[in-house]
All heavy atoms as atom14 arrays in JSON, in Angstrom:
{
  "sequence": "TAADASASDSGSGDGSDTTARVLGIVGIVVGAAGVGYGVLAGRRRDS",
  "atom14_mask": [
    [1, 1, 1, 1, 1, 1, 1, 0, 0, 0, 0, 0, 0, 0],
    [1, 1, 1, 1, 1, 0, 0, 0, 0, 0, 0, 0, 0, 0],
    [1, 1, 1, 1, 1, 0, 0, 0, 0, 0, 0, 0, 0, 0],
    [1, 1, 1, 1, 1, 1, 1, 1, 0, 0, 0, 0, 0, 0],
    [1, 1, 1, 1, 1, 0, 0, 0, 0, 0, 0, 0, 0, 0],
    [1, 1, 1, 1, 1, 1, 0, 0, 0, 0, 0, 0, 0, 0],
    [1, 1, 1, 1, 1, 0, 0, 0, 0, 0, 0, 0, 0, 0],
    [1, 1, 1, 1, 1, 1, 0, 0, 0, 0, 0, 0, 0, 0],
    [1, 1, 1, 1, 1, 1, 1, 1, 0, 0, 0, 0, 0, 0],
    [1, 1, 1, 1, 1, 1, 0, 0, 0, 0, 0, 0, 0, 0],
    [1, 1, 1, 1, 0, 0, 0, 0, 0, 0, 0, 0, 0, 0],
    [1, 1, 1, 1, 1, 1, 0, 0, 0, 0, 0, 0, 0, 0],
    [1, 1, 1, 1, 0, 0, 0, 0, 0, 0, 0, 0, 0, 0],
    [1, 1, 1, 1, 1, 1, 1, 1, 0, 0, 0, 0, 0, 0],
    [1, 1, 1, 1, 0, 0, 0, 0, 0, 0, 0, 0, 0, 0],
    [1, 1, 1, 1, 1, 1, 0, 0, 0, 0, 0, 0, 0, 0],
    [1, 1, 1, 1, 1, 1, 1, 1, 0, 0, 0, 0, 0, 0],
    [1, 1, 1, 1, 1, 1, 1, 0, 0, 0, 0, 0, 0, 0],
    [1, 1, 1, 1, 1, 1, 1, 0, 0, 0, 0, 0, 0, 0],
    [1, 1, 1, 1, 1, 0, 0, 0, 0, 0, 0, 0, 0, 0],
    [1, 1, 1, 1, 1, 1, 1, 1, 1, 1, 1, 0, 0, 0],
    [1, 1, 1, 1, 1, 1, 1, 0, 0, 0, 0, 0, 0, 0],
    [1, 1, 1, 1, 1, 1, 1, 1, 0, 0, 0, 0, 0, 0],
    [1, 1, 1, 1, 0, 0, 0, 0, 0, 0, 0, 0, 0, 0],
    [1, 1, 1, 1, 1, 1, 1, 1, 0, 0, 0, 0, 0, 0],
    [1, 1, 1, 1, 1, 1, 1, 0, 0, 0, 0, 0, 0, 0],
    [1, 1, 1, 1, 0, 0, 0, 0, 0, 0, 0, 0, 0, 0],
    [1, 1, 1, 1, 1, 1, 1, 1, 0, 0, 0, 0, 0, 0],
    [1, 1, 1, 1, 1, 1, 1, 0, 0, 0, 0, 0, 0, 0],
    [1, 1, 1, 1, 1, 1, 1, 0, 0, 0, 0, 0, 0, 0],
    [1, 1, 1, 1, 0, 0, 0, 0, 0, 0, 0, 0, 0, 0],
    [1, 1, 1, 1, 1, 0, 0, 0, 0, 0, 0, 0, 0, 0],
    [1, 1, 1, 1, 1, 0, 0, 0, 0, 0, 0, 0, 0, 0],
    [1, 1, 1, 1, 0, 0, 0, 0, 0, 0, 0, 0, 0, 0],
    [1, 1, 1, 1, 1, 1, 1, 0, 0, 0, 0, 0, 0, 0],
    [1, 1, 1, 1, 0, 0, 0, 0, 0, 0, 0, 0, 0, 0],
    [1, 1, 1, 1, 1, 1, 1, 1, 1, 1, 1, 1, 0, 0],
    [1, 1, 1, 1, 0, 0, 0, 0, 0, 0, 0, 0, 0, 0],
    [1, 1, 1, 1, 1, 1, 1, 0, 0, 0, 0, 0, 0, 0],
    [1, 1, 1, 1, 1, 1, 1, 1, 0, 0, 0, 0, 0, 0],
    [1, 1, 1, 1, 1, 0, 0, 0, 0, 0, 0, 0, 0, 0],
    [1, 1, 1, 1, 0, 0, 0, 0, 0, 0, 0, 0, 0, 0],
    [1, 1, 1, 1, 1, 1, 1, 1, 1, 1, 1, 0, 0, 0],
    [1, 1, 1, 1, 1, 1, 1, 1, 1, 1, 1, 0, 0, 0],
    [1, 1, 1, 1, 1, 1, 1, 1, 1, 1, 1, 0, 0, 0],
    [1, 1, 1, 1, 1, 1, 1, 1, 0, 0, 0, 0, 0, 0],
    [1, 1, 1, 1, 1, 1, 0, 0, 0, 0, 0, 0, 0, 0]
  ],
  "atom14_positions": [
    [[0.83, -1.2, 0.0], [0.0, 0.0, 0.0], [0.86, 1.25, 0.0], [0.6, 2.23, -0.71], [-0.91, 0.01, 1.25], [-1.72, -1.17, 1.23], [-1.8, 1.24, 1.26], [0.0, 0.0, 0.0], [0.0, 0.0, 0.0], [0.0, 0.0, 0.0], [0.0, 0.0, 0.0], [0.0, 0.0, 0.0], [0.0, 0.0, 0.0], [0.0, 0.0, 0.0]],
    [[1.94, 1.2, 0.82], [2.85, 2.35, 0.87], [3.52, 2.57, -0.48], [3.7, 3.71, -0.94], [3.92, 2.13, 1.95], [0.0, 0.0, 0.0], [0.0, 0.0, 0.0], [0.0, 0.0, 0.0], [0.0, 0.0, 0.0], [0.0, 0.0, 0.0], [0.0, 0.0, 0.0], [0.0, 0.0, 0.0], [0.0, 0.0, 0.0], [0.0, 0.0, 0.0]],
    [[3.91, 1.46, -1.15], [4.55, 1.57, -2.46], [3.59, 2.18, -3.48], [3.97, 3.04, -4.29], [5.03, 0.2, -2.92], [0.0, 0.0, 0.0], [0.0, 0.0, 0.0], [0.0, 0.0, 0.0], [0.0, 0.0, 0.0], [0.0, 0.0, 0.0], [0.0, 0.0, 0.0], [0.0, 0.0, 0.0], [0.0, 0.0, 0.0], [0.0, 0.0, 0.0]],
    [[2.32, 1.73, -3.46], [1.33, 2.27, -4.38], [1.14, 3.76, -4.13], [1.04, 4.57, -5.07], [-0.01, 1.53, -4.22], [0.11, 0.08, -4.68], [1.06, -0.22, -5.44], [-0.75, -0.74, -4.29], [0.0, 0.0, 0.0], [0.0, 0.0, 0.0], [0.0, 0.0, 0.0], [0.0, 0.0, 0.0], [0.0, 0.0, 0.0], [0.0, 0.0, 0.0]],
    [[1.08, 4.12, -2.84], [0.88, 5.53, -2.5], [2.07, 6.34, -2.97], [1.91, 7.45, -3.49], [0.69, 5.68, -0.98], [0.0, 0.0, 0.0], [0.0, 0.0, 0.0], [0.0, 0.0, 0.0], [0.0, 0.0, 0.0], [0.0, 0.0, 0.0], [0.0, 0.0, 0.0], [0.0, 0.0, 0.0], [0.0, 0.0, 0.0], [0.0, 0.0, 0.0]],
    [[3.26, 5.78, -2.8], [4.47, 6.49, -3.25], [4.47, 6.67, -4.75], [4.81, 7.73, -5.27], [5.71, 5.71, -2.81], [6.88, 6.34, -3.29], [0.0, 0.0, 0.0], [0.0, 0.0, 0.0], [0.0, 0.0, 0.0], [0.0, 0.0, 0.0], [0.0, 0.0, 0.0], [0.0, 0.0, 0.0], [0.0, 0.0, 0.0], [0.0, 0.0, 0.0]],
    [[4.07, 5.59, -5.45], [4.02, 5.68, -6.91], [3.0, 6.71, -7.34], [3.21, 7.48, -8.27], [3.69, 4.31, -7.51], [0.0, 0.0, 0.0], [0.0, 0.0, 0.0], [0.0, 0.0, 0.0], [0.0, 0.0, 0.0], [0.0, 0.0, 0.0], [0.0, 0.0, 0.0], [0.0, 0.0, 0.0], [0.0, 0.0, 0.0], [0.0, 0.0, 0.0]],
    [[1.86, 6.71, -6.63], [0.83, 7.68, -6.97], [1.33, 9.1, -6.76], [1.12, 9.99, -7.58], [-0.41, 7.43, -6.1], [-1.4, 8.4, -6.36], [0.0, 0.0, 0.0], [0.0, 0.0, 0.0], [0.0, 0.0, 0.0], [0.0, 0.0, 0.0], [0.0, 0.0, 0.0], [0.0, 0.0, 0.0], [0.0, 0.0, 0.0], [0.0, 0.0, 0.0]],
    [[2.02, 9.3, -5.62], [2.56, 10.63, -5.35], [3.6, 11.02, -6.39], [3.67, 12.15, -6.84], [3.21, 10.65, -3.96], [2.16, 10.51, -2.88], [0.97, 10.75, -3.17], [2.54, 10.15, -1.73], [0.0, 0.0, 0.0], [0.0, 0.0, 0.0], [0.0, 0.0, 0.0], [0.0, 0.0, 0.0], [0.0, 0.0, 0.0], [0.0, 0.0, 0.0]],
    [[4.42, 10.02, -6.81], [5.44, 10.29, -7.82], [4.81, 10.68, -9.13], [5.24, 11.6, -9.82], [6.34, 9.05, -7.99], [7.29, 9.27, -9.01], [0.0, 0.0, 0.0], [0.0, 0.0, 0.0], [0.0, 0.0, 0.0], [0.0, 0.0, 0.0], [0.0, 0.0, 0.0], [0.0, 0.0, 0.0], [0.0, 0.0, 0.0], [0.0, 0.0, 0.0]],
    [[3.73, 9.97, -9.51], [3.03, 10.28, -10.75], [2.44, 11.68, -10.71], [2.5, 12.44, -11.66], [0.0, 0.0, 0.0], [0.0, 0.0, 0.0], [0.0, 0.0, 0.0], [0.0, 0.0, 0.0], [0.0, 0.0, 0.0], [0.0, 0.0, 0.0], [0.0, 0.0, 0.0], [0.0, 0.0, 0.0], [0.0, 0.0, 0.0], [0.0, 0.0, 0.0]],
    [[1.87, 12.02, -9.54], [1.3, 13.35, -9.4], [2.38, 14.4, -9.53], [2.18, 15.45, -10.13], [0.6, 13.45, -8.03], [-0.44, 12.5, -7.95], [0.0, 0.0, 0.0], [0.0, 0.0, 0.0], [0.0, 0.0, 0.0], [0.0, 0.0, 0.0], [0.0, 0.0, 0.0], [0.0, 0.0, 0.0], [0.0, 0.0, 0.0], [0.0, 0.0, 0.0]],
    [[3.57, 14.12, -8.99], [4.68, 15.07, -9.08], [5.11, 15.28, -10.52], [5.38, 16.4, -10.95], [0.0, 0.0, 0.0], [0.0, 0.0, 0.0], [0.0, 0.0, 0.0], [0.0, 0.0, 0.0], [0.0, 0.0, 0.0], [0.0, 0.0, 0.0], [0.0, 0.0, 0.0], [0.0, 0.0, 0.0], [0.0, 0.0, 0.0], [0.0, 0.0, 0.0]],
    [[5.21, 14.17, -11.29], [5.59, 14.28, -12.7], [4.59, 15.11, -13.47], [4.94, 15.94, -14.32], [5.71, 12.87, -13.32], [6.88, 12.1, -12.7], [7.75, 12.76, -12.09], [6.89, 10.86, -12.85], [0.0, 0.0, 0.0], [0.0, 0.0, 0.0], [0.0, 0.0, 0.0], [0.0, 0.0, 0.0], [0.0, 0.0, 0.0], [0.0, 0.0, 0.0]],
    [[3.3, 14.88, -13.19], [2.26, 15.63, -13.88], [2.37, 17.11, -13.58], [2.21, 17.97, -14.45], [0.0, 0.0, 0.0], [0.0, 0.0, 0.0], [0.0, 0.0, 0.0], [0.0, 0.0, 0.0], [0.0, 0.0, 0.0], [0.0, 0.0, 0.0], [0.0, 0.0, 0.0], [0.0, 0.0, 0.0], [0.0, 0.0, 0.0], [0.0, 0.0, 0.0]],
    [[2.65, 17.42, -12.29], [2.77, 18.83, -11.9], [3.95, 19.48, -12.59], [3.85, 20.63, -13.05], [2.93, 18.92, -10.37], [1.8, 18.36, -9.72], [0.0, 0.0, 0.0], [0.0, 0.0, 0.0], [0.0, 0.0, 0.0], [0.0, 0.0, 0.0], [0.0, 0.0, 0.0], [0.0, 0.0, 0.0], [0.0, 0.0, 0.0], [0.0, 0.0, 0.0]],
    [[5.09, 18.74, -12.69], [6.26, 19.3, -13.36], [5.97, 19.59, -14.82], [6.36, 20.63, -15.39], [7.44, 18.33, -13.25], [7.93, 18.23, -11.81], [7.6, 19.13, -11.01], [8.61, 17.23, -11.5], [0.0, 0.0, 0.0], [0.0, 0.0, 0.0], [0.0, 0.0, 0.0], [0.0, 0.0, 0.0], [0.0, 0.0, 0.0], [0.0, 0.0, 0.0]],
    [[5.29, 18.65, -15.51], [4.97, 18.84, -16.93], [4.09, 20.06, -17.13], [4.29, 20.88, -18.04], [4.27, 17.58, -17.49], [5.13, 16.46, -17.29], [3.96, 17.74, -18.97], [0.0, 0.0, 0.0], [0.0, 0.0, 0.0], [0.0, 0.0, 0.0], [0.0, 0.0, 0.0], [0.0, 0.0, 0.0], [0.0, 0.0, 0.0], [0.0, 0.0, 0.0]],
    [[3.09, 20.18, -16.28], [2.17, 21.32, -16.4], [2.91, 22.63, -16.21], [2.69, 23.63, -16.92], [1.06, 21.19, -15.35], [0.38, 19.96, -15.54], [0.06, 22.35, -15.45], [0.0, 0.0, 0.0], [0.0, 0.0, 0.0], [0.0, 0.0, 0.0], [0.0, 0.0, 0.0], [0.0, 0.0, 0.0], [0.0, 0.0, 0.0], [0.0, 0.0, 0.0]],
    [[3.81, 22.62, -15.21], [4.58, 23.86, -14.97], [5.43, 24.22, -16.17], [5.54, 25.4, -16.54], [5.45, 23.67, -13.73], [0.0, 0.0, 0.0], [0.0, 0.0, 0.0], [0.0, 0.0, 0.0], [0.0, 0.0, 0.0], [0.0, 0.0, 0.0], [0.0, 0.0, 0.0], [0.0, 0.0, 0.0], [0.0, 0.0, 0.0], [0.0, 0.0, 0.0]],
    [[6.04, 23.22, -16.79], [6.89, 23.48, -17.94], [6.07, 24.05, -19.1], [6.48, 25.0, -19.79], [7.58, 22.2, -18.39], [8.65, 21.73, -17.39], [9.18, 20.37, -17.76], [10.15, 19.89, -16.79], [10.67, 18.67, -16.81], [10.3, 17.8, -17.75], [11.53, 18.31, -15.87], [0.0, 0.0, 0.0], [0.0, 0.0, 0.0], [0.0, 0.0, 0.0]],
    [[4.91, 23.45, -19.36], [4.05, 23.92, -20.45], [3.64, 25.36, -20.21], [3.67, 26.22, -21.1], [2.81, 23.01, -20.59], [1.79, 23.63, -21.57], [3.23, 21.63, -21.08], [0.0, 0.0, 0.0], [0.0, 0.0, 0.0], [0.0, 0.0, 0.0], [0.0, 0.0, 0.0], [0.0, 0.0, 0.0], [0.0, 0.0, 0.0], [0.0, 0.0, 0.0]],
    [[3.21, 25.66, -18.97], [2.79, 27.02, -18.65], [3.95, 28.0, -18.81], [3.78, 29.15, -19.26], [2.25, 27.07, -17.21], [0.92, 26.34, -16.97], [0.54, 26.39, -15.5], [-0.2, 26.97, -17.81], [0.0, 0.0, 0.0], [0.0, 0.0, 0.0], [0.0, 0.0, 0.0], [0.0, 0.0, 0.0], [0.0, 0.0, 0.0], [0.0, 0.0, 0.0]],
    [[5.16, 27.52, -18.44], [6.33, 28.38, -18.59], [6.6, 28.73, -20.05], [6.87, 29.9, -20.41], [0.0, 0.0, 0.0], [0.0, 0.0, 0.0], [0.0, 0.0, 0.0], [0.0, 0.0, 0.0], [0.0, 0.0, 0.0], [0.0, 0.0, 0.0], [0.0, 0.0, 0.0], [0.0, 0.0, 0.0], [0.0, 0.0, 0.0], [0.0, 0.0, 0.0]],
    [[6.51, 27.71, -20.91], [6.74, 27.93, -22.35], [5.69, 28.85, -22.92], [5.98, 29.79, -23.7], [6.75, 26.59, -23.1], [7.97, 25.76, -22.63], [6.77, 26.8, -24.6], [7.97, 24.33, -23.16], [0.0, 0.0, 0.0], [0.0, 0.0, 0.0], [0.0, 0.0, 0.0], [0.0, 0.0, 0.0], [0.0, 0.0, 0.0], [0.0, 0.0, 0.0]],
    [[4.42, 28.61, -22.52], [3.33, 29.47, -23.01], [3.57, 30.91, -22.58], [3.36, 31.87, -23.32], [1.98, 28.97, -22.5], [0.86, 29.99, -22.79], [1.64, 27.62, -23.12], [0.0, 0.0, 0.0], [0.0, 0.0, 0.0], [0.0, 0.0, 0.0], [0.0, 0.0, 0.0], [0.0, 0.0, 0.0], [0.0, 0.0, 0.0], [0.0, 0.0, 0.0]],
    [[4.02, 31.07, -21.33], [4.28, 32.43, -20.84], [5.38, 33.11, -21.63], [5.29, 34.31, -21.94], [0.0, 0.0, 0.0], [0.0, 0.0, 0.0], [0.0, 0.0, 0.0], [0.0, 0.0, 0.0], [0.0, 0.0, 0.0], [0.0, 0.0, 0.0], [0.0, 0.0, 0.0], [0.0, 0.0, 0.0], [0.0, 0.0, 0.0], [0.0, 0.0, 0.0]],
    [[6.44, 32.33, -21.98], [7.53, 32.9, -22.78], [7.03, 33.33, -24.15], [7.35, 34.43, -24.66], [8.68, 31.89, -22.92], [9.33, 31.66, -21.54], [9.72, 32.37, -23.92], [10.34, 30.52, -21.55], [0.0, 0.0, 0.0], [0.0, 0.0, 0.0], [0.0, 0.0, 0.0], [0.0, 0.0, 0.0], [0.0, 0.0, 0.0], [0.0, 0.0, 0.0]],
    [[6.22, 32.45, -24.78], [5.69, 32.76, -26.12], [4.82, 34.0, -26.07], [4.91, 34.92, -26.92], [4.9, 31.56, -26.68], [4.17, 31.94, -27.97], [5.83, 30.37, -26.91], [0.0, 0.0, 0.0], [0.0, 0.0, 0.0], [0.0, 0.0, 0.0], [0.0, 0.0, 0.0], [0.0, 0.0, 0.0], [0.0, 0.0, 0.0], [0.0, 0.0, 0.0]],
    [[3.94, 34.06, -25.06], [3.04, 35.22, -24.94], [3.85, 36.49, -24.72], [3.58, 37.55, -25.28], [2.03, 34.99, -23.8], [1.24, 36.27, -23.52], [1.1, 33.84, -24.15], [0.0, 0.0, 0.0], [0.0, 0.0, 0.0], [0.0, 0.0, 0.0], [0.0, 0.0, 0.0], [0.0, 0.0, 0.0], [0.0, 0.0, 0.0], [0.0, 0.0, 0.0]],
    [[4.87, 36.33, -23.86], [5.71, 37.51, -23.59], [6.41, 37.98, -24.85], [6.5, 39.2, -25.12], [0.0, 0.0, 0.0], [0.0, 0.0, 0.0], [0.0, 0.0, 0.0], [0.0, 0.0, 0.0], [0.0, 0.0, 0.0], [0.0, 0.0, 0.0], [0.0, 0.0, 0.0], [0.0, 0.0, 0.0], [0.0, 0.0, 0.0], [0.0, 0.0, 0.0]],
    [[6.97, 37.04, -25.64], [7.66, 37.4, -26.88], [6.7, 38.06, -27.87], [7.04, 39.05, -28.56], [8.3, 36.15, -27.5], [0.0, 0.0, 0.0], [0.0, 0.0, 0.0], [0.0, 0.0, 0.0], [0.0, 0.0, 0.0], [0.0, 0.0, 0.0], [0.0, 0.0, 0.0], [0.0, 0.0, 0.0], [0.0, 0.0, 0.0], [0.0, 0.0, 0.0]],
    [[5.48, 37.51, -27.94], [4.49, 38.1, -28.86], [4.16, 39.53, -28.44], [3.99, 40.44, -29.26], [3.23, 37.23, -28.85], [0.0, 0.0, 0.0], [0.0, 0.0, 0.0], [0.0, 0.0, 0.0], [0.0, 0.0, 0.0], [0.0, 0.0, 0.0], [0.0, 0.0, 0.0], [0.0, 0.0, 0.0], [0.0, 0.0, 0.0], [0.0, 0.0, 0.0]],
    [[4.05, 39.72, -27.13], [3.75, 41.06, -26.64], [4.86, 42.03, -26.99], [4.6, 43.19, -27.39], [0.0, 0.0, 0.0], [0.0, 0.0, 0.0], [0.0, 0.0, 0.0], [0.0, 0.0, 0.0], [0.0, 0.0, 0.0], [0.0, 0.0, 0.0], [0.0, 0.0, 0.0], [0.0, 0.0, 0.0], [0.0, 0.0, 0.0], [0.0, 0.0, 0.0]],
    [[6.11, 41.59, -26.84], [7.25, 42.46, -27.17], [7.24, 42.8, -28.66], [7.44, 43.95, -29.08], [8.58, 41.78, -26.79], [9.75, 42.59, -27.32], [8.67, 41.63, -25.27], [0.0, 0.0, 0.0], [0.0, 0.0, 0.0], [0.0, 0.0, 0.0], [0.0, 0.0, 0.0], [0.0, 0.0, 0.0], [0.0, 0.0, 0.0], [0.0, 0.0, 0.0]],
    [[6.97, 41.77, -29.51], [6.92, 41.99, -30.96], [5.83, 42.95, -31.34], [6.01, 43.84, -32.19], [0.0, 0.0, 0.0], [0.0, 0.0, 0.0], [0.0, 0.0, 0.0], [0.0, 0.0, 0.0], [0.0, 0.0, 0.0], [0.0, 0.0, 0.0], [0.0, 0.0, 0.0], [0.0, 0.0, 0.0], [0.0, 0.0, 0.0], [0.0, 0.0, 0.0]],
    [[4.68, 42.79, -30.72], [3.55, 43.68, -31.0], [3.9, 45.1, -30.61], [3.59, 46.07, -31.33], [2.32, 43.2, -30.24], [1.13, 44.11, -30.45], [0.39, 44.04, -31.64], [0.76, 45.03, -29.47], [-0.69, 44.89, -31.83], [-0.32, 45.85, -29.66], [-1.04, 45.79, -30.85], [-2.12, 46.62, -31.04], [0.0, 0.0, 0.0], [0.0, 0.0, 0.0]],
    [[4.58, 45.23, -29.47], [4.96, 46.59, -29.02], [5.93, 47.25, -30.0], [5.85, 48.45, -30.28], [0.0, 0.0, 0.0], [0.0, 0.0, 0.0], [0.0, 0.0, 0.0], [0.0, 0.0, 0.0], [0.0, 0.0, 0.0], [0.0, 0.0, 0.0], [0.0, 0.0, 0.0], [0.0, 0.0, 0.0], [0.0, 0.0, 0.0], [0.0, 0.0, 0.0]],
    [[6.89, 46.47, -30.53], [7.86, 47.01, -31.49], [7.18, 47.47, -32.77], [7.42, 48.56, -33.3], [8.96, 45.98, -31.8], [9.84, 46.46, -32.94], [9.78, 45.69, -30.55], [0.0, 0.0, 0.0], [0.0, 0.0, 0.0], [0.0, 0.0, 0.0], [0.0, 0.0, 0.0], [0.0, 0.0, 0.0], [0.0, 0.0, 0.0], [0.0, 0.0, 0.0]],
    [[6.26, 46.65, -33.29], [5.55, 47.01, -34.53], [4.7, 48.25, -34.32], [4.6, 49.15, -35.18], [4.67, 45.83, -34.97], [5.44, 44.59, -35.47], [4.45, 43.47, -35.77], [6.22, 44.95, -36.75], [0.0, 0.0, 0.0], [0.0, 0.0, 0.0], [0.0, 0.0, 0.0], [0.0, 0.0, 0.0], [0.0, 0.0, 0.0], [0.0, 0.0, 0.0]],
    [[4.07, 48.31, -33.17], [3.21, 49.48, -32.9], [4.04, 50.76, -32.85], [3.66, 51.82, -33.34], [2.45, 49.26, -31.58], [0.0, 0.0, 0.0], [0.0, 0.0, 0.0], [0.0, 0.0, 0.0], [0.0, 0.0, 0.0], [0.0, 0.0, 0.0], [0.0, 0.0, 0.0], [0.0, 0.0, 0.0], [0.0, 0.0, 0.0], [0.0, 0.0, 0.0]],
    [[5.23, 50.64, -32.28], [6.11, 51.82, -32.2], [6.55, 52.26, -33.57], [6.62, 53.47, -33.87], [0.0, 0.0, 0.0], [0.0, 0.0, 0.0], [0.0, 0.0, 0.0], [0.0, 0.0, 0.0], [0.0, 0.0, 0.0], [0.0, 0.0, 0.0], [0.0, 0.0, 0.0], [0.0, 0.0, 0.0], [0.0, 0.0, 0.0], [0.0, 0.0, 0.0]],
    [[6.88, 51.34, -34.42], [7.31, 51.69, -35.77], [6.19, 52.38, -36.54], [6.43, 53.33, -37.31], [7.77, 50.44, -36.52], [9.11, 49.89, -36.01], [9.48, 48.65, -36.77], [10.77, 48.14, -36.3], [11.32, 47.02, -36.77], [10.67, 46.31, -37.7], [12.49, 46.63, -36.29], [0.0, 0.0, 0.0], [0.0, 0.0, 0.0], [0.0, 0.0, 0.0]],
    [[4.94, 51.91, -36.39], [3.82, 52.53, -37.09], [3.64, 53.99, -36.62], [3.35, 54.89, -37.43], [2.54, 51.73, -36.83], [2.55, 50.42, -37.58], [1.27, 49.64, -37.23], [1.26, 48.36, -37.93], [0.33, 47.44, -37.75], [-0.68, 47.69, -36.9], [0.38, 46.3, -38.42], [0.0, 0.0, 0.0], [0.0, 0.0, 0.0], [0.0, 0.0, 0.0]],
    [[3.81, 54.23, -35.33], [3.65, 55.6, -34.83], [4.74, 56.49, -35.45], [4.5, 57.65, -35.85], [3.75, 55.62, -33.31], [2.58, 54.97, -32.61], [2.6, 55.36, -31.14], [1.63, 54.57, -30.4], [1.94, 53.47, -29.72], [3.18, 53.02, -29.71], [0.98, 52.84, -29.07], [0.0, 0.0, 0.0], [0.0, 0.0, 0.0], [0.0, 0.0, 0.0]],
    [[5.99, 55.94, -35.47], [7.08, 56.74, -36.03], [6.84, 57.06, -37.54], [7.09, 58.17, -37.98], [8.42, 55.98, -35.9], [8.82, 55.83, -34.42], [8.28, 56.61, -33.59], [9.62, 54.92, -34.12], [0.0, 0.0, 0.0], [0.0, 0.0, 0.0], [0.0, 0.0, 0.0], [0.0, 0.0, 0.0], [0.0, 0.0, 0.0], [0.0, 0.0, 0.0]],
    [[6.32, 56.1, -38.27], [6.04, 56.31, -39.73], [4.97, 57.34, -39.91], [5.03, 58.23, -40.78], [5.62, 54.98, -40.38], [6.68, 54.04, -40.27], [0.0, 0.0, 0.0], [0.0, 0.0, 0.0], [0.0, 0.0, 0.0], [0.0, 0.0, 0.0], [0.0, 0.0, 0.0], [0.0, 0.0, 0.0], [0.0, 0.0, 0.0], [0.0, 0.0, 0.0]]
  ]
}
């Protein structure tokens, strides 16, 4: 029972790590898009 519980906890930990990584990547992409959008908007104002 202890081994099953440990395995279950380990599985839950792996799932949490994967989710965190995905969210991190999404955050980076969103941040990069925001920076790109800001640069384009600035160029249009200057033109």
